[in-house]
Structures are given as structure tokens and as C-alpha cells.
Amino acid sequence: METNDLFLDNYLTNIKEDYKRFIVRAGILDTNGQMDRIKEFSDNLTTKFGSKYIKVMNNGSAHSFIVNTDKDIKFKKGDVLMAASWASPARNFARGNLFTPDSIKARWMGI
């Protein structure tokens, strides 16, 4: 596994953990229902690698985009961008960088 993969795995883990904290804090489901919902969310969190971005999705909805190239004139590789739509990121400013995990406030509902 490459170093980049470890950073991406950590990012995805942070999103899953935030979702778990949200569900448990909400307390609207019984323990089995909570675990089923948490598992479903975690199982459906996926990535799609493109030439410019890595798209992070859940159940077909775009969660965030990660810059996957050194050739972007505005952003550097690893910058995390909020989703503007299903197909494209918001390119106004980076929400953090994958390689500096403390800079990212990863939330299950979006960056």
C-alpha cells in the first residue's frame, strides 16, 4: 500500500467515525438499528479515481473531491474540495489537505 492510500484510508475512517458519533448521539434508534445504519453507511462509502480528482461518494451522492494531480493551477495534490454537485467540486477554496490530516474537518454530511 502506498503512503497516499494510507492518507485516503484515514480520511474515509474519519468520515465513518463522525457518522457513528452522530447516530449514537441522536439516540433515535435501538442499538441493533444503530449498528445496521452505521454498517450500511460505512459499506456504501466509496471512492472513484479520475485523472483530476478522487470522488468520495456515499449511496451515489458525492461527498467530497480530492485533487489527484500535480497539474492543477489553483490547488495542490491532496487538497480536499467540497462537492458542488454530483459531478464536480466547489473550486472556491480547499477545505484541507489529505496529507495534513489535522487541517481537515471531515464530517459524514460533507467536508
PDB file of N, CA and C in Angstrom:
ATOM      1  N   MET A   1       0.843  -1.183   0.000  1.00  0.00           N
ATOM      2  CA  MET A   1       0.000   0.000   0.000  1.00  0.00           C
ATOM      3  C   MET A   1       0.885   1.242   0.000  1.00  0.00           C
ATOM      4  N   GLU A   2       0.556   2.182  -0.844  1.00  0.00           N
ATOM      5  CA  GLU A   2       1.320   3.417  -0.930  1.00  0.00           C
ATOM      6  C   GLU A   2       0.936   4.358   0.210  1.00  0.00           C
ATOM      7  N   THR A   3       1.816   5.294   0.500  1.00  0.00           N
ATOM      8  CA  THR A   3       1.550   6.285   1.537  1.00  0.00           C
ATOM      9  C   THR A   3       0.261   7.041   1.245  1.00  0.00           C
ATOM     10  N   ASN A   4       0.020   7.401  -0.024  1.00  0.00           N
ATOM     11  CA  ASN A   4      -1.197   8.119  -0.396  1.00  0.00           C
ATOM     12  C   ASN A   4      -2.440   7.333   0.002  1.00  0.00           C
ATOM     13  N   ASP A   5      -2.398   6.005  -0.164  1.00  0.00           N
ATOM     14  CA  ASP A   5      -3.530   5.161   0.192  1.00  0.00           C
ATOM     15  C   ASP A   5      -3.807   5.219   1.691  1.00  0.00           C
ATOM     16  N   LEU A   6      -2.754   5.287   2.491  1.00  0.00           N
ATOM     17  CA  LEU A   6      -2.933   5.366   3.939  1.00  0.00           C
ATOM     18  C   LEU A   6      -3.629   6.665   4.336  1.00  0.00           C
ATOM     19  N   PHE A   7      -3.250   7.769   3.705  1.00  0.00           N
ATOM     20  CA  PHE A   7      -3.889   9.050   3.988  1.00  0.00           C
ATOM     21  C   PHE A   7      -5.365   9.014   3.582  1.00  0.00           C
ATOM     22  N   LEU A   8      -5.667   8.407   2.431  1.00  0.00           N
ATOM     23  CA  LEU A   8      -7.044   8.291   1.970  1.00  0.00           C
ATOM     24  C   LEU A   8      -7.841   7.394   2.916  1.00  0.00           C
ATOM     25  N   ASP A   9      -7.264   6.291   3.340  1.00  0.00           N
ATOM     26  CA  ASP A   9      -7.937   5.403   4.298  1.00  0.00           C
ATOM     27  C   ASP A   9      -8.246   6.134   5.602  1.00  0.00           C
ATOM     28  N   ASN A  10      -7.317   6.939   6.076  1.00  0.00           N
ATOM     29  CA  ASN A  10      -7.544   7.711   7.302  1.00  0.00           C
ATOM     30  C   ASN A  10      -8.694   8.706   7.122  1.00  0.00           C
ATOM     31  N   TYR A  11      -8.736   9.342   5.975  1.00  0.00           N
ATOM     32  CA  TYR A  11      -9.810  10.295   5.671  1.00  0.00           C
ATOM     33  C   TYR A  11     -11.167   9.593   5.693  1.00  0.00           C
ATOM     34  N   LEU A  12     -11.263   8.453   5.024  1.00  0.00           N
ATOM     35  CA  LEU A  12     -12.517   7.702   4.982  1.00  0.00           C
ATOM     36  C   LEU A  12     -12.906   7.209   6.376  1.00  0.00           C
ATOM     37  N   THR A  13     -11.929   6.780   7.153  1.00  0.00           N
ATOM     38  CA  THR A  13     -12.192   6.338   8.525  1.00  0.00           C
ATOM     39  C   THR A  13     -12.747   7.482   9.363  1.00  0.00           C
ATOM     40  N   ASN A  14     -12.201   8.675   9.192  1.00  0.00           N
ATOM     41  CA  ASN A  14     -12.704   9.845   9.931  1.00  0.00           C
ATOM     42  C   ASN A  14     -14.161  10.141   9.592  1.00  0.00           C
ATOM     43  N   ILE A  15     -14.518  10.008   8.313  1.00  0.00           N
ATOM     44  CA  ILE A  15     -15.901  10.237   7.892  1.00  0.00           C
ATOM     45  C   ILE A  15     -16.816   9.201   8.550  1.00  0.00           C
ATOM     46  N   LYS A  16     -16.400   7.941   8.525  1.00  0.00           N
ATOM     47  CA  LYS A  16     -17.202   6.863   9.130  1.00  0.00           C
ATOM     48  C   LYS A  16     -17.362   7.070  10.634  1.00  0.00           C
ATOM     49  N   GLU A  17     -16.292   7.458  11.304  1.00  0.00           N
ATOM     50  CA  GLU A  17     -16.348   7.670  12.756  1.00  0.00           C
ATOM     51  C   GLU A  17     -17.257   8.843  13.110  1.00  0.00           C
ATOM     52  N   ASP A  18     -17.239   9.891  12.295  1.00  0.00           N
ATOM     53  CA  ASP A  18     -18.113  11.029  12.547  1.00  0.00           C
ATOM     54  C   ASP A  18     -19.573  10.615  12.395  1.00  0.00           C
ATOM     55  N   TYR A  19     -19.872   9.799  11.397  1.00  0.00           N
ATOM     56  CA  TYR A  19     -21.237   9.309  11.203  1.00  0.00           C
ATOM     57  C   TYR A  19     -21.676   8.466  12.403  1.00  0.00           C
ATOM     58  N   LYS A  20     -20.782   7.614  12.866  1.00  0.00           N
ATOM     59  CA  LYS A  20     -21.091   6.756  14.020  1.00  0.00           C
ATOM     60  C   LYS A  20     -21.399   7.619  15.247  1.00  0.00           C
ATOM     61  N   ARG A  21     -20.582   8.642  15.505  1.00  0.00           N
ATOM     62  CA  ARG A  21     -20.826   9.537  16.643  1.00  0.00           C
ATOM     63  C   ARG A  21     -22.181  10.231  16.515  1.00  0.00           C
ATOM     64  N   PHE A  22     -22.523  10.649  15.285  1.00  0.00           N
ATOM     65  CA  PHE A  22     -23.800  11.318  15.045  1.00  0.00           C
ATOM     66  C   PHE A  22     -24.977  10.395  15.361  1.00  0.00           C
ATOM     67  N   ILE A  23     -24.941   9.185  14.860  1.00  0.00           N
ATOM     68  CA  ILE A  23     -26.040   8.235  15.057  1.00  0.00           C
ATOM     69  C   ILE A  23     -26.193   7.892  16.538  1.00  0.00           C
ATOM     70  N   VAL A  24     -25.096   7.632  17.210  1.00  0.00           N
ATOM     71  CA  VAL A  24     -25.150   7.281  18.629  1.00  0.00           C
ATOM     72  C   VAL A  24     -25.662   8.465  19.447  1.00  0.00           C
ATOM     73  N   ARG A  25     -25.175   9.673  19.135  1.00  0.00           N
ATOM     74  CA  ARG A  25     -25.606  10.875  19.846  1.00  0.00           C
ATOM     75  C   ARG A  25     -27.096  11.137  19.643  1.00  0.00           C
ATOM     76  N   ALA A  26     -27.585  10.888  18.428  1.00  0.00           N
ATOM     77  CA  ALA A  26     -29.004  11.124  18.130  1.00  0.00           C
ATOM     78  C   ALA A  26     -29.885  10.197  18.959  1.00  0.00           C
ATOM     79  N   GLY A  27     -29.426   8.969  19.178  1.00  0.00           N
ATOM     80  CA  GLY A  27     -30.122   8.029  20.043  1.00  0.00           C
ATOM     81  C   GLY A  27     -31.542   7.703  19.632  1.00  0.00           C
ATOM     82  N   ILE A  28     -31.884   7.904  18.368  1.00  0.00           N
ATOM     83  CA  ILE A  28     -33.259   7.657  17.941  1.00  0.00           C
ATOM     84  C   ILE A  28     -33.515   6.196  17.567  1.00  0.00           C
ATOM     85  N   LEU A  29     -32.464   5.431  17.428  1.00  0.00           N
ATOM     86  CA  LEU A  29     -32.612   4.024  17.063  1.00  0.00           C
ATOM     87  C   LEU A  29     -32.150   3.141  18.205  1.00  0.00           C
ATOM     88  N   ASP A  30     -32.701   1.941  18.257  1.00  0.00           N
ATOM     89  CA  ASP A  30     -32.186   0.991  19.231  1.00  0.00           C
ATOM     90  C   ASP A  30     -30.782   0.571  18.820  1.00  0.00           C
ATOM     91  N   THR A  31     -30.108  -0.133  19.684  1.00  0.00           N
ATOM     92  CA  THR A  31     -28.715  -0.500  19.437  1.00  0.00           C
ATOM     93  C   THR A  31     -28.539  -1.275  18.137  1.00  0.00           C
ATOM     94  N   ASN A  32     -29.406  -2.245  17.855  1.00  0.00           N
ATOM     95  CA  ASN A  32     -29.284  -3.013  16.607  1.00  0.00           C
ATOM     96  C   ASN A  32     -29.533  -2.136  15.393  1.00  0.00           C
ATOM     97  N   GLY A  33     -30.536  -1.257  15.486  1.00  0.00           N
ATOM     98  CA  GLY A  33     -30.821  -0.355  14.379  1.00  0.00           C
ATOM     99  C   GLY A  33     -29.680   0.603  14.124  1.00  0.00           C
ATOM    100  N   GLN A  34     -29.062   1.079  15.198  1.00  0.00           N
ATOM    101  CA  GLN A  34     -27.910   1.969  15.053  1.00  0.00           C
ATOM    102  C   GLN A  34     -26.784   1.257  14.328  1.00  0.00           C
ATOM    103  N   MET A  35     -26.483   0.040  14.763  1.00  0.00           N
ATOM    104  CA  MET A  35     -25.370  -0.694  14.165  1.00  0.00           C
ATOM    105  C   MET A  35     -25.642  -1.015  12.700  1.00  0.00           C
ATOM    106  N   ASP A  36     -26.889  -1.343  12.370  1.00  0.00           N
ATOM    107  CA  ASP A  36     -27.236  -1.615  10.978  1.00  0.00           C
ATOM    108  C   ASP A  36     -27.058  -0.369  10.115  1.00  0.00           C
ATOM    109  N   ARG A  37     -27.499   0.757  10.641  1.00  0.00           N
ATOM    110  CA  ARG A  37     -27.398   2.016   9.888  1.00  0.00           C
ATOM    111  C   ARG A  37     -25.937   2.438   9.714  1.00  0.00           C
ATOM    112  N   ILE A  38     -25.148   2.283  10.766  1.00  0.00           N
ATOM    113  CA  ILE A  38     -23.723   2.618  10.705  1.00  0.00           C
ATOM    114  C   ILE A  38     -23.010   1.717   9.704  1.00  0.00           C
ATOM    115  N   LYS A  39     -23.329   0.428   9.731  1.00  0.00           N
ATOM    116  CA  LYS A  39     -22.707  -0.522   8.798  1.00  0.00           C
ATOM    117  C   LYS A  39     -23.088  -0.185   7.361  1.00  0.00           C
ATOM    118  N   GLU A  40     -24.370   0.135   7.134  1.00  0.00           N
ATOM    119  CA  GLU A  40     -24.814   0.480   5.787  1.00  0.00           C
ATOM    120  C   GLU A  40     -24.071   1.709   5.265  1.00  0.00           C
ATOM    121  N   PHE A  41     -23.948   2.737   6.099  1.00  0.00           N
ATOM    122  CA  PHE A  41     -23.224   3.939   5.689  1.00  0.00           C
ATOM    123  C   PHE A  41     -21.772   3.599   5.351  1.00  0.00           C
ATOM    124  N   SER A  42     -21.114   2.858   6.236  1.00  0.00           N
ATOM    125  CA  SER A  42     -19.704   2.514   6.042  1.00  0.00           C
ATOM    126  C   SER A  42     -19.499   1.667   4.797  1.00  0.00           C
ATOM    127  N   ASP A  43     -20.403   0.711   4.567  1.00  0.00           N
ATOM    128  CA  ASP A  43     -20.283  -0.166   3.401  1.00  0.00           C
ATOM    129  C   ASP A  43     -20.494   0.572   2.091  1.00  0.00           C
ATOM    130  N   ASN A  44     -21.262   1.668   2.119  1.00  0.00           N
ATOM    131  CA  ASN A  44     -21.575   2.405   0.898  1.00  0.00           C
ATOM    132  C   ASN A  44     -20.676   3.610   0.654  1.00  0.00           C
ATOM    133  N   LEU A  45     -19.682   3.825   1.510  1.00  0.00           N
ATOM    134  CA  LEU A  45     -18.716   4.903   1.302  1.00  0.00           C
ATOM    135  C   LEU A  45     -17.664   4.397   0.318  1.00  0.00           C
ATOM    136  N   THR A  46     -17.627   4.996  -0.859  1.00  0.00           N
ATOM    137  CA  THR A  46     -16.737   4.514  -1.925  1.00  0.00           C
ATOM    138  C   THR A  46     -15.927   5.661  -2.520  1.00  0.00           C
ATOM    139  N   THR A  47     -14.925   5.281  -3.287  1.00  0.00           N
ATOM    140  CA  THR A  47     -14.110   6.266  -4.000  1.00  0.00           C
ATOM    141  C   THR A  47     -14.067   5.898  -5.472  1.00  0.00           C
ATOM    142  N   LYS A  48     -13.949   6.924  -6.296  1.00  0.00           N
ATOM    143  CA  LYS A  48     -13.799   6.734  -7.737  1.00  0.00           C
ATOM    144  C   LYS A  48     -12.628   7.604  -8.177  1.00  0.00           C
ATOM    145  N   PHE A  49     -11.612   6.958  -8.737  1.00  0.00           N
ATOM    146  CA  PHE A  49     -10.402   7.661  -9.152  1.00  0.00           C
ATOM    147  C   PHE A  49     -10.528   8.149 -10.582  1.00  0.00           C
ATOM    148  N   GLY A  50     -10.289   9.442 -10.758  1.00  0.00           N
ATOM    149  CA  GLY A  50     -10.250  10.041 -12.079  1.00  0.00           C
ATOM    150  C   GLY A  50      -8.888  10.657 -12.314  1.00  0.00           C
ATOM    151  N   SER A  51      -8.689  11.240 -13.476  1.00  0.00           N
ATOM    152  CA  SER A  51      -7.387  11.838 -13.786  1.00  0.00           C
ATOM    153  C   SER A  51      -7.140  13.117 -12.982  1.00  0.00           C
ATOM    154  N   LYS A  52      -8.191  13.858 -12.637  1.00  0.00           N
ATOM    155  CA  LYS A  52      -8.045  15.104 -11.882  1.00  0.00           C
ATOM    156  C   LYS A  52      -8.413  14.949 -10.407  1.00  0.00           C
ATOM    157  N   TYR A  53      -9.432  14.159 -10.116  1.00  0.00           N
ATOM    158  CA  TYR A  53      -9.962  14.068  -8.757  1.00  0.00           C
ATOM    159  C   TYR A  53     -10.226  12.630  -8.334  1.00  0.00           C
ATOM    160  N   ILE A  54     -10.226  12.453  -7.029  1.00  0.00           N
ATOM    161  CA  ILE A  54     -10.773  11.250  -6.418  1.00  0.00           C
ATOM    162  C   ILE A  54     -12.108  11.682  -5.850  1.00  0.00           C
ATOM    163  N   LYS A  55     -13.178  11.071  -6.325  1.00  0.00           N
ATOM    164  CA  LYS A  55     -14.510  11.419  -5.825  1.00  0.00           C
ATOM    165  C   LYS A  55     -14.864  10.477  -4.679  1.00  0.00           C
ATOM    166  N   VAL A  56     -15.254  11.040  -3.551  1.00  0.00           N
ATOM    167  CA  VAL A  56     -15.712  10.265  -2.404  1.00  0.00           C
ATOM    168  C   VAL A  56     -17.235  10.309  -2.430  1.00  0.00           C
ATOM    169  N   MET A  57     -17.868   9.122  -2.422  1.00  0.00           N
ATOM    170  CA  MET A  57     -19.317   9.034  -2.558  1.00  0.00           C
ATOM    171  C   MET A  57     -19.920   8.163  -1.467  1.00  0.00           C
ATOM    172  N   ASN A  58     -21.203   8.391  -1.221  1.00  0.00           N
ATOM    173  CA  ASN A  58     -21.972   7.519  -0.351  1.00  0.00           C
ATOM    174  C   ASN A  58     -23.350   7.357  -0.953  1.00  0.00           C
ATOM    175  N   ASN A  59     -23.702   6.114  -1.239  1.00  0.00           N
ATOM    176  CA  ASN A  59     -25.008   5.807  -1.862  1.00  0.00           C
ATOM    177  C   ASN A  59     -25.242   6.615  -3.133  1.00  0.00           C
ATOM    178  N   GLY A  60     -24.207   6.820  -3.913  1.00  0.00           N
ATOM    179  CA  GLY A  60     -24.330   7.537  -5.167  1.00  0.00           C
ATOM    180  C   GLY A  60     -24.278   9.050  -5.064  1.00  0.00           C
ATOM    181  N   SER A  61     -24.234   9.583  -3.861  1.00  0.00           N
ATOM    182  CA  SER A  61     -24.130  11.035  -3.684  1.00  0.00           C
ATOM    183  C   SER A  61     -22.671  11.424  -3.472  1.00  0.00           C
ATOM    184  N   ALA A  62     -22.269  12.520  -4.076  1.00  0.00           N
ATOM    185  CA  ALA A  62     -20.901  12.992  -3.911  1.00  0.00           C
ATOM    186  C   ALA A  62     -20.737  13.582  -2.514  1.00  0.00           C
ATOM    187  N   HIS A  63     -19.700  13.167  -1.834  1.00  0.00           N
ATOM    188  CA  HIS A  63     -19.389  13.682  -0.500  1.00  0.00           C
ATOM    189  C   HIS A  63     -18.336  14.775  -0.601  1.00  0.00           C
ATOM    190  N   SER A  64     -17.253  14.466  -1.311  1.00  0.00           N
ATOM    191  CA  SER A  64     -16.153  15.416  -1.467  1.00  0.00           C
ATOM    192  C   SER A  64     -15.285  14.970  -2.632  1.00  0.00           C
ATOM    193  N   PHE A  65     -14.362  15.836  -3.003  1.00  0.00           N
ATOM    194  CA  PHE A  65     -13.409  15.538  -4.070  1.00  0.00           C
ATOM    195  C   PHE A  65     -12.006  15.817  -3.552  1.00  0.00           C
ATOM    196  N   ILE A  66     -11.060  15.006  -3.969  1.00  0.00           N
ATOM    197  CA  ILE A  66      -9.667  15.188  -3.586  1.00  0.00           C
ATOM    198  C   ILE A  66      -8.864  15.396  -4.863  1.00  0.00           C
ATOM    199  N   VAL A  67      -8.080  16.465  -4.904  1.00  0.00           N
ATOM    200  CA  VAL A  67      -7.269  16.759  -6.080  1.00  0.00           C
ATOM    201  C   VAL A  67      -6.251  15.625  -6.247  1.00  0.00           C
ATOM    202  N   ASN A  68      -6.211  15.054  -7.455  1.00  0.00           N
ATOM    203  CA  ASN A  68      -5.390  13.877  -7.727  1.00  0.00           C
ATOM    204  C   ASN A  68      -4.345  14.154  -8.814  1.00  0.00           C
ATOM    205  N   THR A  69      -3.899  15.397  -8.899  1.00  0.00           N
ATOM    206  CA  THR A  69      -2.912  15.751  -9.914  1.00  0.00           C
ATOM    207  C   THR A  69      -2.006  16.862  -9.389  1.00  0.00           C
ATOM    208  N   ASP A  70      -0.803  16.907  -9.922  1.00  0.00           N
ATOM    209  CA  ASP A  70       0.121  17.999  -9.603  1.00  0.00           C
ATOM    210  C   ASP A  70      -0.018  19.150 -10.591  1.00  0.00           C
ATOM    211  N   LYS A  71      -0.904  19.009 -11.580  1.00  0.00           N
ATOM    212  CA  LYS A  71      -1.003  19.980 -12.669  1.00  0.00           C
ATOM    213  C   LYS A  71      -2.162  20.957 -12.525  1.00  0.00           C
ATOM    214  N   ASP A  72      -2.819  21.001 -11.379  1.00  0.00           N
ATOM    215  CA  ASP A  72      -3.908  21.947 -11.162  1.00  0.00           C
ATOM    216  C   ASP A  72      -3.308  23.317 -10.872  1.00  0.00           C
ATOM    217  N   ILE A  73      -3.801  24.361 -11.546  1.00  0.00           N
ATOM    218  CA  ILE A  73      -3.204  25.691 -11.377  1.00  0.00           C
ATOM    219  C   ILE A  73      -3.609  26.382 -10.071  1.00  0.00           C
ATOM    220  N   LYS A  74      -4.698  25.920  -9.446  1.00  0.00           N
ATOM    221  CA  LYS A  74      -5.176  26.574  -8.229  1.00  0.00           C
ATOM    222  C   LYS A  74      -4.922  25.745  -6.960  1.00  0.00           C
ATOM    223  N   PHE A  75      -4.957  24.429  -7.086  1.00  0.00           N
ATOM    224  CA  PHE A  75      -4.857  23.552  -5.921  1.00  0.00           C
ATOM    225  C   PHE A  75      -3.681  22.607  -6.037  1.00  0.00           C
ATOM    226  N   LYS A  76      -3.239  22.112  -4.876  1.00  0.00           N
ATOM    227  CA  LYS A  76      -2.150  21.137  -4.889  1.00  0.00           C
ATOM    228  C   LYS A  76      -2.712  19.744  -4.646  1.00  0.00           C
ATOM    229  N   LYS A  77      -1.951  18.758  -5.022  1.00  0.00           N
ATOM    230  CA  LYS A  77      -2.374  17.372  -4.872  1.00  0.00           C
ATOM    231  C   LYS A  77      -2.714  17.097  -3.410  1.00  0.00           C
ATOM    232  N   GLY A  78      -3.856  16.451  -3.208  1.00  0.00           N
ATOM    233  CA  GLY A  78      -4.301  16.123  -1.860  1.00  0.00           C
ATOM    234  C   GLY A  78      -5.280  17.115  -1.273  1.00  0.00           C
ATOM    235  N   ASP A  79      -5.479  18.274  -1.926  1.00  0.00           N
ATOM    236  CA  ASP A  79      -6.451  19.239  -1.413  1.00  0.00           C
ATOM    237  C   ASP A  79      -7.848  18.628  -1.469  1.00  0.00           C
ATOM    238  N   VAL A  80      -8.599  18.811  -0.391  1.00  0.00           N
ATOM    239  CA  VAL A  80      -9.956  18.282  -0.284  1.00  0.00           C
ATOM    240  C   VAL A  80     -10.928  19.401  -0.598  1.00  0.00           C
ATOM    241  N   LEU A  81     -11.811  19.131  -1.562  1.00  0.00           N
ATOM    242  CA  LEU A  81     -12.779  20.122  -2.020  1.00  0.00           C
ATOM    243  C   LEU A  81     -14.197  19.651  -1.723  1.00  0.00           C
ATOM    244  N   MET A  82     -15.053  20.568  -1.358  1.00  0.00           N
ATOM    245  CA  MET A  82     -16.456  20.268  -1.134  1.00  0.00           C
ATOM    246  C   MET A  82     -17.112  19.956  -2.479  1.00  0.00           C
ATOM    247  N   ALA A  83     -18.119  19.108  -2.463  1.00  0.00           N
ATOM    248  CA  ALA A  83     -18.857  18.812  -3.690  1.00  0.00           C
ATOM    249  C   ALA A  83     -19.785  19.977  -4.012  1.00  0.00           C
ATOM    250  N   ALA A  84     -19.721  20.468  -5.249  1.00  0.00           N
ATOM    251  CA  ALA A  84     -20.647  21.495  -5.717  1.00  0.00           C
ATOM    252  C   ALA A  84     -21.879  20.828  -6.324  1.00  0.00           C
ATOM    253  N   SER A  85     -21.655  19.673  -6.910  1.00  0.00           N
ATOM    254  CA  SER A  85     -22.728  18.872  -7.487  1.00  0.00           C
ATOM    255  C   SER A  85     -22.254  17.422  -7.481  1.00  0.00           C
ATOM    256  N   TRP A  86     -23.071  16.549  -8.032  1.00  0.00           N
ATOM    257  CA  TRP A  86     -22.701  15.138  -8.087  1.00  0.00           C
ATOM    258  C   TRP A  86     -21.419  14.946  -8.904  1.00  0.00           C
ATOM    259  N   ALA A  87     -21.221  15.778  -9.911  1.00  0.00           N
ATOM    260  CA  ALA A  87     -20.130  15.571 -10.851  1.00  0.00           C
ATOM    261  C   ALA A  87     -18.932  16.496 -10.689  1.00  0.00           C
ATOM    262  N   SER A  88     -19.047  17.540  -9.879  1.00  0.00           N
ATOM    263  CA  SER A  88     -17.932  18.489  -9.820  1.00  0.00           C
ATOM    264  C   SER A  88     -17.738  19.079  -8.424  1.00  0.00           C
ATOM    265  N   PRO A  89     -16.483  19.450  -8.142  1.00  0.00           N
ATOM    266  CA  PRO A  89     -16.183  20.049  -6.841  1.00  0.00           C
ATOM    267  C   PRO A  89     -16.400  21.560  -6.845  1.00  0.00           C
ATOM    268  N   ALA A  90     -16.540  22.107  -5.656  1.00  0.00           N
ATOM    269  CA  ALA A  90     -16.540  23.558  -5.479  1.00  0.00           C
ATOM    270  C   ALA A  90     -15.075  23.994  -5.510  1.00  0.00           C
ATOM    271  N   ARG A  91     -14.722  24.826  -6.450  1.00  0.00           N
ATOM    272  CA  ARG A  91     -13.319  25.204  -6.627  1.00  0.00           C
ATOM    273  C   ARG A  91     -13.016  26.581  -6.043  1.00  0.00           C
ATOM    274  N   ASN A  92     -13.794  27.004  -5.057  1.00  0.00           N
ATOM    275  CA  ASN A  92     -13.528  28.308  -4.456  1.00  0.00           C
ATOM    276  C   ASN A  92     -12.329  28.250  -3.505  1.00  0.00           C
ATOM    277  N   PHE A  93     -12.256  27.241  -2.623  1.00  0.00           N
ATOM    278  CA  PHE A  93     -11.086  27.071  -1.763  1.00  0.00           C
ATOM    279  C   PHE A  93     -11.053  25.649  -1.223  1.00  0.00           C
ATOM    280  N   ALA A  94      -9.861  25.196  -0.870  1.00  0.00           N
ATOM    281  CA  ALA A  94      -9.689  23.849  -0.321  1.00  0.00           C
ATOM    282  C   ALA A  94     -10.172  23.817   1.117  1.00  0.00           C
ATOM    283  N   ARG A  95     -10.756  22.709   1.506  1.00  0.00           N
ATOM    284  CA  ARG A  95     -11.233  22.530   2.880  1.00  0.00           C
ATOM    285  C   ARG A  95     -10.181  21.861   3.752  1.00  0.00           C
ATOM    286  N   GLY A  96      -9.015  21.639   3.214  1.00  0.00           N
ATOM    287  CA  GLY A  96      -7.914  20.986   3.914  1.00  0.00           C
ATOM    288  C   GLY A  96      -7.098  20.204   2.906  1.00  0.00           C
ATOM    289  N   ASN A  97      -6.112  19.488   3.395  1.00  0.00           N
ATOM    290  CA  ASN A  97      -5.279  18.675   2.517  1.00  0.00           C
ATOM    291  C   ASN A  97      -5.144  17.288   3.122  1.00  0.00           C
ATOM    292  N   LEU A  98      -5.272  16.298   2.263  1.00  0.00           N
ATOM    293  CA  LEU A  98      -5.213  14.899   2.673  1.00  0.00           C
ATOM    294  C   LEU A  98      -3.926  14.581   3.409  1.00  0.00           C
ATOM    295  N   PHE A  99      -2.845  15.248   3.034  1.00  0.00           N
ATOM    296  CA  PHE A  99      -1.532  14.938   3.598  1.00  0.00           C
ATOM    297  C   PHE A  99      -1.240  15.701   4.886  1.00  0.00           C
ATOM    298  N   THR A 100      -2.153  16.595   5.270  1.00  0.00           N
ATOM    299  CA  THR A 100      -2.083  17.251   6.583  1.00  0.00           C
ATOM    300  C   THR A 100      -3.434  17.039   7.250  1.00  0.00           C
ATOM    301  N   PRO A 101      -3.660  15.838   7.791  1.00  0.00           N
ATOM    302  CA  PRO A 101      -4.973  15.435   8.295  1.00  0.00           C
ATOM    303  C   PRO A 101      -5.563  16.388   9.330  1.00  0.00           C
ATOM    304  N   ASP A 102      -4.750  17.062  10.112  1.00  0.00           N
ATOM    305  CA  ASP A 102      -5.279  17.979  11.122  1.00  0.00           C
ATOM    306  C   ASP A 102      -5.970  19.186  10.489  1.00  0.00           C
ATOM    307  N   SER A 103      -5.717  19.430   9.213  1.00  0.00           N
ATOM    308  CA  SER A 103      -6.322  20.579   8.538  1.00  0.00           C
ATOM    309  C   SER A 103      -7.737  20.282   8.048  1.00  0.00           C
ATOM    310  N   ILE A 104      -8.147  19.021   8.080  1.00  0.00           N
ATOM    311  CA  ILE A 104      -9.439  18.616   7.532  1.00  0.00           C
ATOM    312  C   ILE A 104     -10.443  18.394   8.653  1.00  0.00           C
ATOM    313  N   LYS A 105     -11.602  18.980   8.497  1.00  0.00           N
ATOM    314  CA  LYS A 105     -12.708  18.731   9.402  1.00  0.00           C
ATOM    315  C   LYS A 105     -13.690  17.827   8.663  1.00  0.00           C
ATOM    316  N   ALA A 106     -13.369  16.538   8.596  1.00  0.00           N
ATOM    317  CA  ALA A 106     -14.187  15.577   7.864  1.00  0.00           C
ATOM    318  C   ALA A 106     -15.453  15.282   8.635  1.00  0.00           C
ATOM    319  N   ARG A 107     -16.563  15.512   8.004  1.00  0.00           N
ATOM    320  CA  ARG A 107     -17.872  15.232   8.584  1.00  0.00           C
ATOM    321  C   ARG A 107     -18.586  14.247   7.668  1.00  0.00           C
ATOM    322  N   TRP A 108     -19.470  13.459   8.211  1.00  0.00           N
ATOM    323  CA  TRP A 108     -20.170  12.477   7.408  1.00  0.00           C
ATOM    324  C   TRP A 108     -21.076  13.137   6.380  1.00  0.00           C
ATOM    325  N   MET A 109     -21.563  14.364   6.680  1.00  0.00           N
ATOM    326  CA  MET A 109     -22.502  15.028   5.779  1.00  0.00           C
ATOM    327  C   MET A 109     -21.799  15.832   4.699  1.00  0.00           C
ATOM    328  N   GLY A 110     -20.486  15.911   4.751  1.00  0.00           N
ATOM    329  CA  GLY A 110     -19.727  16.677   3.768  1.00  0.00           C
ATOM    330  C   GLY A 110     -18.574  17.371   4.446  1.00  0.00           C
ATOM    331  N   ILE A 111     -17.669  17.817   3.676  1.00  0.00           N
ATOM    332  CA  ILE A 111     -16.458  18.415   4.209  1.00  0.00           C
ATOM    333  C   ILE A 111     -16.715  19.822   4.698  1.00  0.00           C
TER     334      ILE A 111
END
